[in-house]
Amino acid sequence: MKILLSGFMAALMMFCASAQSETLVADGGFAAQALKSCKTDLRYLNQVIGWQVKWPRQWQNTIAAGPDITSDAIRTWSQVPAALTLATETLRLGIISEETAPRAVVIRVQQQVHDLLSDLTMKNSKYTFNSPTDNNAAQWNTLISNNIVPSVSDFNQFLKKEYLPATSNDPSLSKVNGETHCFLSAVSWWTTLNLSQKDIEDVGQRLLNESRHQLLATGQKGDTIKSMLKSLRTSTEDHKTSANELVSVSEMALTRAQSKTQLSFSKQITQKFIVSEMPKYLQESAPAGYYAQAQENSPAKYIINTSRPNERRLMAEVIAFHEGIPGHHLWVTYPRKAPSKGYNAGILEGWALYAEYLADEMNLYSSTYDRQGMIAKHLWAASRLIVEPGLQLRGWSRTDAINFMMDNTVMSRQEIEIEVDRYIAMPGQSLSYMLGADMILFERKRARELLGNDFNIAAFHDVILEAGVRPLSEVRDDIRLWVKLVK
């Protein structure tokens, strides 16, 4: 069975896609930048956006584009053997210096490499041209079979037989780095905020408590948090939902959002946006959905994973609002004097999670059940602010983190295990959602209190949206300057 990826990839894959470098590198991808000051092989191994996830998508793009442009691809991908050899040598040094990635991450990466090898070698592989008559296509197939397959096979054997036995179950960065600096530096890189462990945990506990109170308010007399979490988790197992119904629920939610944007925004979003079902072969190893920007003649899309529709129904609407309107699609397509460029998880994921709260204020959720789905998602996001410091700074084991989320969220154990392993692989990244949203909500509350009747929600949103991507501290400064000017 293929190892599932975490559900975070929504905006990251869209916003931080970069051109292929001249020299091919097999590493942990974009997330490695957050760990540049840390002594850990997590810089080279990552089950969410590592090479074994990124390269296959690029190979499929090569096949989809046809053999006419394959000559450039052949030049690029002929570097695979050298890249994987260098990766192996680098990881061997990690074994010697005891900087190996945590075992949970390596298990997932090795399983992905194993699955990739199976896909590469199967008959009519999706990474090769079927019955090629064109010379470029034939050369591409030869490159796959004679160069890429042996290199991937060697790397798989290295991970399985040499690297994995040397790993530790300890998920913490501090086992090598010996202090809090590495983790907090990664948090700062992802969120653009400089926070202490206490700052992070205090926000997490406050948001957990707020979400618990919100959930209780949707229940019946005699309900407790424990009984409601249990009931909602049961509903994700028993809810009778088809894949088509999941798509329909999302489409209707986004139609409502589109029609009501004038309530909270000064500018209207006119770019076409559709819900598109994820290809079946991707569903087992993909998140619940992600946003895809418009490409040439193809409109922007919310690409939804329709596998396990019973489980996904609870959060269907809130995820649609996060990925679409008023979330990522609105951010990307909002009219600006200049396009918003770059990737900054603090504001991009912070805005998308803020959009979930905003959708509630705009009365976009169609039922109490769907509002409970929103609250359940916020319990999940808030719990990260307790779990990550627990794993990195308080000596929690992977099992401790899983048990905490079982007690505080409605997610299935399978999804929780995927999430916890993502937090281990990408320290700090998951904190950007709630920390960014909390900053926006705090500044909005402050602005309302200072401005009273002069507060205008559409103008407030323009301050955040029009300037595009920048650090959260700059967003805060922009909001406070606006308040002074209005006042």
Protein backbone atom coordinates (compact mmCIF):
# COMPACT_ATOMS: atom_id res chain seq x y z
CA MET A 1 0.00 0.00 0.00
CA LYS A 2 1.31 3.45 -0.86
CA ILE A 3 2.16 5.78 1.98
CA LEU A 4 -0.20 8.77 2.10
CA LEU A 5 1.15 12.28 1.98
CA SER A 6 0.02 14.89 4.42
CA GLY A 7 -2.74 17.25 3.65
CA PHE A 8 -0.85 20.48 3.79
CA MET A 9 0.39 20.80 0.18
CA ALA A 10 -2.48 23.01 -0.93
CA ALA A 11 -0.76 26.33 -1.49
CA LEU A 12 2.88 25.32 -1.14
CA MET A 13 2.99 23.39 -4.39
CA MET A 14 1.37 26.30 -6.21
CA PHE A 15 3.15 29.27 -4.67
CA CYS A 16 6.71 27.99 -4.35
CA ALA A 17 7.05 26.11 -7.62
CA SER A 18 10.38 27.13 -9.08
CA ALA A 19 12.17 26.53 -12.32
CA GLN A 20 14.34 23.45 -12.59
CA SER A 21 17.90 24.36 -11.67
CA GLU A 22 20.70 23.64 -14.11
CA THR A 23 22.23 21.18 -11.67
CA LEU A 24 19.79 18.52 -10.54
CA VAL A 25 19.69 18.02 -6.77
CA ALA A 26 18.00 15.14 -4.93
CA ASP A 27 17.09 16.62 -1.57
CA GLY A 28 14.18 17.54 0.70
CA GLY A 29 12.98 20.32 -1.57
CA PHE A 30 11.89 23.82 -0.63
CA ALA A 31 11.43 22.93 3.05
CA ALA A 32 15.19 22.41 3.45
CA GLN A 33 15.65 26.19 3.49
CA ALA A 34 14.01 26.40 6.91
CA LEU A 35 16.63 24.02 8.31
CA LYS A 36 19.77 25.54 6.81
CA SER A 37 21.18 26.31 10.26
CA CYS A 38 20.31 22.87 11.66
CA LYS A 39 22.37 19.71 11.72
CA THR A 40 19.82 17.25 10.38
CA ASP A 41 19.29 15.09 7.31
CA LEU A 42 15.75 16.43 7.15
CA ARG A 43 17.38 18.85 4.73
CA TYR A 44 17.70 15.92 2.31
CA LEU A 45 14.77 13.64 3.16
CA ASN A 46 11.17 14.82 3.12
CA GLN A 47 8.06 12.75 2.38
CA VAL A 48 5.94 15.79 1.49
CA ILE A 49 7.95 17.68 -1.12
CA GLY A 50 11.20 15.74 -1.48
CA TRP A 51 12.64 14.75 -4.87
CA GLN A 52 10.77 11.45 -4.90
CA VAL A 53 7.51 13.44 -4.86
CA LYS A 54 8.54 16.33 -7.12
CA TRP A 55 10.41 14.52 -9.88
CA PRO A 56 7.61 12.09 -10.83
CA ARG A 57 5.23 15.02 -11.39
CA GLN A 58 7.78 16.63 -13.69
CA TRP A 59 8.29 13.37 -15.58
CA GLN A 60 4.55 13.09 -16.13
CA ASN A 61 4.53 16.66 -17.45
CA THR A 62 7.21 15.60 -19.93
CA ILE A 63 5.07 12.72 -21.17
CA ALA A 64 1.98 14.95 -21.38
CA ALA A 65 3.87 17.57 -23.41
CA GLY A 66 4.82 14.99 -26.04
CA PRO A 67 8.12 13.95 -27.59
CA ASP A 68 8.75 17.25 -29.42
CA ILE A 69 10.23 18.89 -26.32
CA THR A 70 11.80 15.78 -24.83
CA SER A 71 15.36 16.62 -25.89
CA ASP A 72 15.64 19.33 -23.21
CA ALA A 73 14.16 16.99 -20.63
CA ILE A 74 16.66 14.28 -21.54
CA ARG A 75 19.53 16.68 -20.86
CA THR A 76 18.09 17.59 -17.48
CA TRP A 77 17.18 14.11 -16.30
CA SER A 78 20.39 12.48 -17.44
CA GLN A 79 21.73 14.00 -14.22
CA VAL A 80 19.62 11.68 -12.04
CA PRO A 81 22.38 9.08 -11.42
CA ALA A 82 24.85 11.76 -10.31
CA ALA A 83 22.24 13.49 -8.13
CA LEU A 84 21.26 10.29 -6.36
CA THR A 85 24.88 9.25 -5.92
CA LEU A 86 25.62 12.60 -4.26
CA ALA A 87 22.51 12.24 -2.08
CA THR A 88 23.68 8.80 -0.96
CA GLU A 89 27.15 10.06 -0.11
CA THR A 90 25.68 12.99 1.83
CA LEU A 91 23.38 10.74 3.82
CA ARG A 92 26.26 8.39 4.63
CA LEU A 93 27.99 11.37 6.25
CA GLY A 94 24.81 11.90 8.24
CA ILE A 95 25.08 8.39 9.61
CA ILE A 96 28.66 9.03 10.72
CA SER A 97 27.82 12.36 12.37
CA GLU A 98 24.58 10.99 13.86
CA GLU A 99 22.46 13.56 12.03
CA THR A 100 20.07 11.04 10.50
CA ALA A 101 16.47 12.03 9.86
CA PRO A 102 13.91 10.59 12.32
CA ARG A 103 12.86 7.01 11.56
CA ALA A 104 9.19 7.92 10.91
CA VAL A 105 10.23 10.22 8.06
CA VAL A 106 12.70 7.75 6.57
CA ILE A 107 10.12 4.95 6.59
CA ARG A 108 7.75 7.11 4.56
CA VAL A 109 10.41 8.31 2.13
CA GLN A 110 11.72 4.79 1.58
CA GLN A 111 8.20 3.53 0.92
CA GLN A 112 7.67 6.29 -1.61
CA VAL A 113 10.96 5.50 -3.37
CA HIS A 114 9.97 1.82 -3.43
CA ASP A 115 6.57 2.70 -4.94
CA LEU A 116 8.19 5.01 -7.48
CA LEU A 117 10.51 2.20 -8.54
CA SER A 118 7.50 -0.09 -9.02
CA ASP A 119 5.76 2.54 -11.15
CA LEU A 120 8.87 3.13 -13.24
CA THR A 121 9.32 -0.55 -14.04
CA MET A 122 5.71 -1.55 -14.65
CA LYS A 123 4.47 -2.26 -18.16
CA ASN A 124 3.10 0.90 -19.81
CA SER A 125 4.51 3.06 -17.03
CA LYS A 126 3.01 6.55 -16.83
CA TYR A 127 6.58 7.86 -16.92
CA THR A 128 7.38 6.47 -20.38
CA PHE A 129 5.99 6.81 -23.89
CA ASN A 130 3.93 3.84 -25.04
CA SER A 131 5.24 2.24 -28.28
CA PRO A 132 7.44 5.21 -29.21
CA THR A 133 8.09 5.79 -32.90
CA ASP A 134 9.76 9.16 -32.40
CA ASN A 135 13.52 9.15 -31.73
CA ASN A 136 13.23 11.55 -28.78
CA ALA A 137 10.56 9.39 -27.18
CA ALA A 138 12.69 6.28 -27.63
CA GLN A 139 15.69 8.05 -26.07
CA TRP A 140 13.54 9.13 -23.14
CA ASN A 141 12.37 5.56 -22.52
CA THR A 142 15.98 4.35 -22.70
CA LEU A 143 17.02 7.00 -20.18
CA ILE A 144 14.30 5.83 -17.80
CA SER A 145 15.14 2.12 -18.09
CA ASN A 146 18.94 2.29 -18.32
CA ASN A 147 19.79 5.25 -16.08
CA ILE A 148 16.97 6.37 -13.84
CA VAL A 149 15.61 2.97 -12.80
CA PRO A 150 19.01 1.57 -11.66
CA SER A 151 19.78 4.78 -9.74
CA VAL A 152 16.42 4.82 -7.97
CA SER A 153 16.83 1.11 -7.21
CA ASP A 154 20.27 1.68 -5.67
CA PHE A 155 18.95 4.56 -3.57
CA ASN A 156 16.04 2.46 -2.38
CA GLN A 157 18.37 -0.31 -1.27
CA PHE A 158 20.64 2.18 0.46
CA LEU A 159 17.74 3.63 2.46
CA LYS A 160 16.34 0.23 3.35
CA LYS A 161 19.51 -1.67 4.24
CA GLU A 162 22.01 0.97 5.34
CA TYR A 163 20.31 4.22 6.34
CA LEU A 164 17.07 3.12 8.01
CA PRO A 165 18.81 0.80 10.51
CA ALA A 166 20.93 3.77 11.66
CA THR A 167 17.97 6.05 12.39
CA SER A 168 16.42 6.92 15.74
CA ASN A 169 12.80 6.99 16.88
CA ASP A 170 13.49 10.35 18.54
CA PRO A 171 11.58 12.96 16.48
CA SER A 172 13.33 16.00 17.95
CA LEU A 173 15.89 18.23 16.25
CA SER A 174 17.47 18.87 19.65
CA LYS A 175 19.04 15.41 19.85
CA VAL A 176 21.80 16.73 17.57
CA ASN A 177 21.49 20.49 17.89
CA GLY A 178 21.09 20.37 21.65
CA GLU A 179 19.02 23.53 22.07
CA THR A 180 15.79 25.28 21.14
CA HIS A 181 17.43 27.56 18.58
CA CYS A 182 17.09 25.22 15.62
CA PHE A 183 13.35 24.65 16.00
CA LEU A 184 12.53 28.27 16.79
CA SER A 185 14.63 29.39 13.83
CA ALA A 186 12.60 27.10 11.58
CA VAL A 187 9.38 28.48 13.05
CA SER A 188 10.56 32.01 12.30
CA TRP A 189 11.49 31.07 8.72
CA TRP A 190 8.05 29.65 8.00
CA THR A 191 5.92 32.14 9.90
CA THR A 192 8.07 35.33 9.73
CA LEU A 193 7.39 35.75 13.46
CA ASN A 194 9.94 35.64 16.28
CA LEU A 195 8.24 33.65 19.01
CA SER A 196 9.30 31.79 22.12
CA GLN A 197 8.13 28.31 23.04
CA LYS A 198 5.75 29.85 25.59
CA ASP A 199 4.33 32.25 22.99
CA ILE A 200 3.51 29.37 20.65
CA GLU A 201 2.01 27.11 23.29
CA ASP A 202 -0.04 29.91 24.85
CA VAL A 203 -1.62 30.75 21.50
CA GLY A 204 -2.28 27.06 20.87
CA GLN A 205 -3.97 26.52 24.22
CA ARG A 206 -6.08 29.66 23.86
CA LEU A 207 -7.25 28.68 20.37
CA LEU A 208 -7.97 25.13 21.49
CA ASN A 209 -10.12 26.45 24.32
CA GLU A 210 -11.94 28.88 22.01
CA SER A 211 -12.68 26.14 19.48
CA ARG A 212 -13.91 23.80 22.22
CA HIS A 213 -16.35 26.43 23.44
CA GLN A 214 -17.53 27.00 19.86
CA LEU A 215 -18.07 23.30 19.38
CA LEU A 216 -20.02 22.94 22.63
CA ALA A 217 -22.26 25.82 21.54
CA THR A 218 -23.35 23.78 18.51
CA GLY A 219 -24.31 20.75 20.60
CA GLN A 220 -27.21 19.61 22.74
CA LYS A 221 -27.79 19.80 26.48
CA GLY A 222 -25.55 17.28 28.23
CA ASP A 223 -22.96 17.13 25.46
CA THR A 224 -19.31 17.25 26.44
CA ILE A 225 -16.26 17.91 24.29
CA LYS A 226 -15.33 14.25 24.58
CA SER A 227 -18.78 13.03 23.52
CA MET A 228 -18.98 15.50 20.62
CA LEU A 229 -15.52 14.62 19.30
CA LYS A 230 -16.42 10.94 19.48
CA SER A 231 -19.72 11.54 17.68
CA LEU A 232 -18.10 13.56 14.90
CA ARG A 233 -15.33 11.00 14.45
CA THR A 234 -17.99 8.31 14.15
CA SER A 235 -19.82 10.41 11.58
CA THR A 236 -16.70 10.49 9.40
CA GLU A 237 -16.78 6.71 9.34
CA ASP A 238 -20.52 6.28 8.85
CA HIS A 239 -21.60 9.30 6.78
CA LYS A 240 -22.93 8.03 3.45
CA THR A 241 -21.35 10.30 0.86
CA SER A 242 -20.44 9.55 -2.74
CA ALA A 243 -17.54 11.10 -4.63
CA ASN A 244 -19.99 13.05 -6.81
CA GLU A 245 -21.75 14.40 -3.74
CA LEU A 246 -18.44 15.56 -2.29
CA VAL A 247 -17.74 17.52 -5.48
CA SER A 248 -21.27 18.93 -5.51
CA VAL A 249 -21.05 20.09 -1.88
CA SER A 250 -17.81 21.91 -2.68
CA GLU A 251 -19.20 23.51 -5.84
CA MET A 252 -22.29 24.81 -4.07
CA ALA A 253 -20.18 26.20 -1.23
CA LEU A 254 -17.95 28.11 -3.63
CA THR A 255 -20.93 29.41 -5.61
CA ARG A 256 -22.31 30.89 -2.38
CA ALA A 257 -18.94 32.41 -1.60
CA GLN A 258 -18.63 33.97 -5.05
CA SER A 259 -22.08 35.56 -4.80
CA LYS A 260 -21.37 37.10 -1.38
CA THR A 261 -17.87 38.52 -1.86
CA GLN A 262 -19.35 42.01 -2.15
CA LEU A 263 -20.26 41.77 1.54
CA SER A 264 -16.64 41.82 2.67
CA PHE A 265 -14.49 42.95 -0.27
CA SER A 266 -14.28 46.12 -2.32
CA LYS A 267 -13.23 44.30 -5.48
CA GLN A 268 -14.92 41.37 -7.17
CA ILE A 269 -13.18 38.19 -8.29
CA THR A 270 -14.08 37.47 -11.90
CA GLN A 271 -11.52 34.84 -12.92
CA LYS A 272 -13.10 31.49 -13.65
CA PHE A 273 -12.66 28.88 -10.95
CA ILE A 274 -13.84 25.28 -11.07
CA VAL A 275 -13.85 22.18 -8.89
CA SER A 276 -11.99 19.34 -10.55
CA GLU A 277 -11.77 15.76 -9.34
CA MET A 278 -8.23 14.58 -8.73
CA PRO A 279 -7.03 11.82 -11.07
CA LYS A 280 -7.56 8.42 -9.49
CA TYR A 281 -3.90 7.41 -9.62
CA LEU A 282 -2.96 10.41 -7.44
CA GLN A 283 -5.67 10.09 -4.81
CA GLU A 284 -4.08 7.51 -2.56
CA SER A 285 -0.97 9.61 -2.03
CA ALA A 286 -2.45 13.12 -2.02
CA PRO A 287 -4.12 15.52 0.43
CA ALA A 288 -7.84 16.32 0.60
CA GLY A 289 -7.39 18.93 -2.08
CA TYR A 290 -5.25 21.78 -3.31
CA TYR A 291 -5.45 24.98 -5.32
CA ALA A 292 -4.08 25.09 -8.86
CA GLN A 293 -3.60 28.46 -10.50
CA ALA A 294 -4.88 29.10 -14.02
CA GLN A 295 -2.57 27.86 -16.78
CA GLU A 296 -2.93 29.24 -20.32
CA ASN A 297 -6.37 28.01 -21.43
CA SER A 298 -7.02 26.08 -18.23
CA PRO A 299 -8.94 27.91 -15.46
CA ALA A 300 -7.93 27.96 -11.83
CA LYS A 301 -9.06 24.85 -10.01
CA TYR A 302 -9.82 23.45 -6.63
CA ILE A 303 -8.56 19.92 -7.23
CA ILE A 304 -10.44 17.73 -4.79
CA ASN A 305 -9.49 14.26 -3.62
CA THR A 306 -12.70 12.22 -3.72
CA SER A 307 -11.27 9.09 -2.11
CA ARG A 308 -12.74 8.22 1.30
CA PRO A 309 -15.66 10.66 0.74
CA ASN A 310 -17.37 9.64 4.00
CA GLU A 311 -14.36 10.83 5.98
CA ARG A 312 -13.91 13.99 3.90
CA ARG A 313 -17.53 15.15 4.06
CA LEU A 314 -17.26 16.82 7.50
CA MET A 315 -14.66 19.35 6.37
CA ALA A 316 -15.72 19.59 2.71
CA GLU A 317 -17.07 23.13 2.91
CA VAL A 318 -14.34 24.59 5.09
CA ILE A 319 -11.59 23.17 2.87
CA ALA A 320 -13.37 24.54 -0.22
CA PHE A 321 -13.40 28.02 1.33
CA HIS A 322 -9.73 27.65 2.33
CA GLU A 323 -8.61 26.66 -1.17
CA GLY A 324 -11.05 28.82 -3.14
CA ILE A 325 -13.01 31.88 -2.07
CA PRO A 326 -12.37 33.68 0.23
CA GLY A 327 -9.08 31.76 0.59
CA HIS A 328 -6.25 31.01 -1.83
CA HIS A 329 -8.10 31.75 -5.08
CA LEU A 330 -9.20 35.15 -3.85
CA TRP A 331 -5.67 35.93 -2.67
CA VAL A 332 -4.06 34.92 -5.96
CA THR A 333 -6.56 36.69 -8.23
CA TYR A 334 -7.32 39.78 -6.15
CA PRO A 335 -6.90 42.92 -8.30
CA ARG A 336 -3.58 44.60 -7.53
CA LYS A 337 -1.38 47.16 -9.21
CA ALA A 338 1.37 44.54 -9.36
CA PRO A 339 1.14 40.73 -9.07
CA SER A 340 1.77 39.22 -5.67
CA LYS A 341 4.96 37.19 -5.85
CA GLY A 342 6.90 34.84 -3.63
CA TYR A 343 6.01 32.35 -0.94
CA ASN A 344 5.48 33.20 2.70
CA ALA A 345 3.49 30.65 4.66
CA GLY A 346 2.68 33.08 7.47
CA ILE A 347 0.52 35.35 5.32
CA LEU A 348 -0.56 32.90 2.60
CA GLU A 349 -1.68 30.10 4.89
CA GLY A 350 -2.66 32.58 7.57
CA TRP A 351 -5.00 34.33 5.12
CA ALA A 352 -6.51 31.04 3.92
CA LEU A 353 -7.24 29.94 7.48
CA TYR A 354 -8.59 33.40 8.35
CA ALA A 355 -10.87 32.93 5.33
CA GLU A 356 -12.45 29.94 7.10
CA TYR A 357 -13.49 32.19 9.99
CA LEU A 358 -14.60 34.88 7.56
CA ALA A 359 -16.78 32.37 5.70
CA ASP A 360 -18.61 31.73 8.96
CA GLU A 361 -19.19 35.46 9.47
CA MET A 362 -20.52 35.65 5.90
CA ASN A 363 -22.98 32.82 6.72
CA LEU A 364 -21.50 30.59 4.03
CA TYR A 365 -21.68 27.29 5.93
CA SER A 366 -24.87 25.52 4.93
CA SER A 367 -25.60 23.59 8.14
CA THR A 368 -24.62 23.10 11.76
CA TYR A 369 -22.76 19.98 10.67
CA ASP A 370 -20.64 22.02 8.24
CA ARG A 371 -19.95 24.63 10.92
CA GLN A 372 -18.82 21.79 13.16
CA GLY A 373 -16.51 20.76 10.33
CA MET A 374 -15.00 24.24 10.41
CA ILE A 375 -14.52 24.06 14.17
CA ALA A 376 -13.06 20.56 13.87
CA LYS A 377 -10.52 21.90 11.38
CA HIS A 378 -9.61 24.68 13.80
CA LEU A 379 -9.11 22.18 16.63
CA TRP A 380 -6.74 20.34 14.30
CA ALA A 381 -4.83 23.52 13.39
CA ALA A 382 -4.64 24.76 16.99
CA SER A 383 -3.42 21.39 18.27
CA ARG A 384 -0.32 21.76 16.11
CA LEU A 385 0.85 24.64 18.30
CA ILE A 386 0.97 22.21 21.22
CA VAL A 387 2.18 19.14 19.31
CA GLU A 388 5.17 20.68 17.51
CA PRO A 389 6.80 22.17 20.63
CA GLY A 390 5.96 18.90 22.37
CA LEU A 391 7.85 16.90 19.77
CA GLN A 392 10.76 19.31 19.45
CA LEU A 393 11.22 20.79 22.91
CA ARG A 394 9.35 18.74 25.52
CA GLY A 395 10.61 15.27 24.68
CA TRP A 396 7.34 13.93 23.31
CA SER A 397 7.47 10.72 21.35
CA ARG A 398 5.59 10.22 18.08
CA THR A 399 3.04 8.20 20.07
CA ASP A 400 2.57 11.05 22.56
CA ALA A 401 1.77 13.42 19.69
CA ILE A 402 -0.67 10.96 18.09
CA ASN A 403 -2.46 10.42 21.39
CA PHE A 404 -2.81 14.16 21.98
CA MET A 405 -4.43 14.64 18.59
CA MET A 406 -6.69 11.63 19.10
CA ASP A 407 -7.92 13.32 22.30
CA ASN A 408 -8.32 16.80 20.80
CA THR A 409 -9.43 16.38 17.18
CA VAL A 410 -11.94 14.36 15.18
CA MET A 411 -9.39 13.08 12.67
CA SER A 412 -8.93 9.37 12.11
CA ARG A 413 -5.82 7.72 13.50
CA GLN A 414 -4.52 7.17 9.96
CA GLU A 415 -4.76 10.87 9.13
CA ILE A 416 -3.25 11.85 12.48
CA GLU A 417 -0.23 9.63 11.89
CA ILE A 418 0.28 11.27 8.50
CA GLU A 419 -0.01 14.72 10.07
CA VAL A 420 2.38 14.00 12.95
CA ASP A 421 4.98 12.66 10.54
CA ARG A 422 4.61 15.85 8.51
CA TYR A 423 5.32 17.93 11.62
CA ILE A 424 8.40 15.81 12.28
CA ALA A 425 9.59 16.26 8.69
CA MET A 426 8.90 20.00 8.41
CA PRO A 427 9.33 21.62 11.84
CA GLY A 428 7.55 24.95 12.07
CA GLN A 429 5.58 24.82 8.83
CA SER A 430 2.25 23.74 10.24
CA LEU A 431 2.31 26.57 12.79
CA SER A 432 2.03 29.22 10.06
CA TYR A 433 -1.70 28.60 9.51
CA MET A 434 -3.04 29.45 12.95
CA LEU A 435 -0.33 31.95 13.87
CA GLY A 436 -0.99 33.92 10.69
CA ALA A 437 -4.77 33.78 11.09
CA ASP A 438 -4.53 34.73 14.77
CA MET A 439 -2.49 37.82 13.92
CA ILE A 440 -5.08 38.94 11.35
CA LEU A 441 -7.96 38.33 13.75
CA PHE A 442 -6.19 40.17 16.58
CA GLU A 443 -5.44 43.21 14.42
CA ARG A 444 -8.99 43.24 13.09
CA LYS A 445 -10.40 43.22 16.63
CA ARG A 446 -8.03 46.02 17.63
CA ALA A 447 -8.99 48.06 14.57
CA ARG A 448 -12.70 47.63 15.29
CA GLU A 449 -12.25 48.79 18.88
CA LEU A 450 -10.25 51.86 17.87
CA LEU A 451 -12.34 52.87 14.87
CA GLY A 452 -15.83 51.97 16.03
CA ASN A 453 -18.34 52.89 13.35
CA ASP A 454 -15.54 54.02 11.04
CA PHE A 455 -14.26 50.47 10.72
CA ASN A 456 -14.87 49.05 7.24
CA ILE A 457 -14.24 45.35 6.67
CA ALA A 458 -13.66 45.72 2.92
CA ALA A 459 -11.08 48.47 3.47
CA PHE A 460 -9.40 46.33 6.16
CA HIS A 461 -9.13 43.45 3.69
CA ASP A 462 -7.70 45.75 1.02
CA VAL A 463 -4.86 46.69 3.37
CA ILE A 464 -3.93 43.01 3.68
CA LEU A 465 -4.55 41.93 0.10
CA GLU A 466 -3.39 44.77 -2.12
CA ALA A 467 0.24 44.77 -1.02
CA GLY A 468 0.57 41.02 -1.63
CA VAL A 469 3.07 38.68 -0.02
CA ARG A 470 5.23 40.12 2.77
CA PRO A 471 6.20 39.22 6.37
CA LEU A 472 3.44 39.22 8.97
CA SER A 473 5.17 42.04 10.84
CA GLU A 474 4.76 44.23 7.76
CA VAL A 475 1.12 43.24 7.45
CA ARG A 476 0.62 44.29 11.07
CA ASP A 477 2.39 47.60 10.46
CA ASP A 478 0.26 48.28 7.37
CA ILE A 479 -2.95 47.64 9.31
CA ARG A 480 -1.92 49.90 12.17
CA LEU A 481 -0.91 52.69 9.79
CA TRP A 482 -4.32 52.40 8.12
CA VAL A 483 -6.03 52.66 11.50
CA LYS A 484 -4.12 55.86 12.27
CA LEU A 485 -5.04 57.37 8.91
CA VAL A 486 -8.71 56.52 9.29
CA LYS A 487 -8.82 57.70 12.88
